[in-house]
């Protein structure tokens, strides 16, 4: 019984951690990018196109080079993205 409980708690913690994991903007697909606040289909596509043409983002602030992403949007995404 204790083993099952421990396994359940471990699985629950893994799922909770995964739900709050930051999105890597250098690896994320269209769907993952669209889950970011303020990012819809067009901006997700623009992020992927920019990444394809210019290479990986080196800093979060590099997102400001993507058409349609400004300082306010970047601020909203800061805690949900990683490099």
Protein backbone atom coordinates (compact mmCIF):
# COMPACT_ATOMS: atom_id res chain seq x y z
CA UNK A 1 0.00 0.00 0.00
CA UNK A 2 2.78 2.42 0.91
CA UNK A 3 4.56 1.67 -2.37
CA UNK A 4 1.41 2.50 -4.38
CA UNK A 5 0.91 5.72 -2.44
CA UNK A 6 4.51 6.78 -3.00
CA UNK A 7 4.22 6.01 -6.71
CA UNK A 8 0.99 8.01 -6.94
CA UNK A 9 2.57 11.02 -5.20
CA UNK A 10 5.61 10.84 -7.48
CA UNK A 11 3.42 10.71 -10.59
CA UNK A 12 1.30 13.61 -9.34
CA UNK A 13 4.35 15.76 -8.65
CA UNK A 14 5.74 14.95 -12.09
CA UNK A 15 2.49 16.00 -13.77
CA UNK A 16 2.23 19.22 -11.77
CA UNK A 17 5.84 20.10 -12.58
CA UNK A 18 5.27 19.37 -16.27
CA UNK A 19 2.20 21.58 -16.33
CA UNK A 20 4.25 24.54 -15.13
CA UNK A 21 7.38 23.85 -17.16
CA UNK A 22 8.62 26.76 -19.22
CA UNK A 23 8.42 26.51 -23.01
CA UNK A 24 11.76 26.46 -24.78
CA UNK A 25 11.32 28.94 -27.61
CA UNK A 26 14.13 27.32 -29.59
CA UNK A 27 12.47 23.91 -29.63
CA UNK A 28 8.75 24.56 -29.25
CA UNK A 29 6.38 23.65 -32.04
CA UNK A 30 3.46 25.73 -33.29
CA UNK A 31 1.00 24.36 -30.73
CA UNK A 32 3.31 24.93 -27.77
CA UNK A 33 4.04 28.51 -28.84
CA UNK A 34 0.32 29.22 -29.26
CA UNK A 35 -0.14 28.30 -25.59
CA UNK A 36 1.89 31.34 -24.56
CA UNK A 37 -0.07 34.40 -23.43
CA UNK A 38 -0.91 36.68 -26.34
CA UNK A 39 0.55 34.33 -28.95
CA UNK A 40 -1.85 33.07 -31.56
CA UNK A 41 -1.32 31.31 -34.85
CA UNK A 42 0.26 34.28 -36.64
CA UNK A 43 2.78 35.11 -33.91
CA UNK A 44 3.70 31.47 -33.35
CA UNK A 45 4.35 31.16 -37.08
CA UNK A 46 6.42 34.36 -37.01
CA UNK A 47 8.53 33.00 -34.12
CA UNK A 48 9.20 29.76 -36.00
CA UNK A 49 10.01 31.60 -39.23
CA UNK A 50 12.38 33.97 -37.44
CA UNK A 51 14.08 31.05 -35.70
CA UNK A 52 14.44 29.20 -39.01
CA UNK A 53 15.93 32.21 -40.82
CA UNK A 54 18.17 33.56 -38.04
CA UNK A 55 18.99 30.54 -35.89
CA UNK A 56 18.18 29.93 -32.26
CA UNK A 57 17.30 32.73 -29.90
CA UNK A 58 20.21 33.51 -27.60
CA UNK A 59 18.21 35.53 -25.08
CA UNK A 60 14.53 35.98 -24.31
CA UNK A 61 14.88 39.58 -25.46
CA UNK A 62 15.70 38.34 -28.98
CA UNK A 63 11.96 37.73 -29.31
CA UNK A 64 11.61 41.50 -29.69
CA UNK A 65 13.04 41.06 -33.19
CA UNK A 66 9.96 39.02 -34.19
CA UNK A 67 7.26 41.05 -35.90
CA UNK A 68 4.30 41.55 -33.57
CA UNK A 69 6.17 40.99 -30.32
CA UNK A 70 6.87 44.07 -28.26
CA UNK A 71 8.09 44.76 -24.74
CA UNK A 72 4.64 44.33 -23.14
CA UNK A 73 4.06 40.95 -24.76
CA UNK A 74 7.56 39.80 -23.84
CA UNK A 75 6.91 40.83 -20.26
CA UNK A 76 3.75 38.67 -20.19
CA UNK A 77 5.71 35.67 -21.54
CA UNK A 78 8.90 36.06 -19.45
CA UNK A 79 8.02 33.55 -16.75
CA UNK A 80 6.67 30.99 -19.22
CA UNK A 81 9.58 30.80 -21.66
CA UNK A 82 13.16 29.61 -21.56
CA UNK A 83 16.11 29.43 -23.93
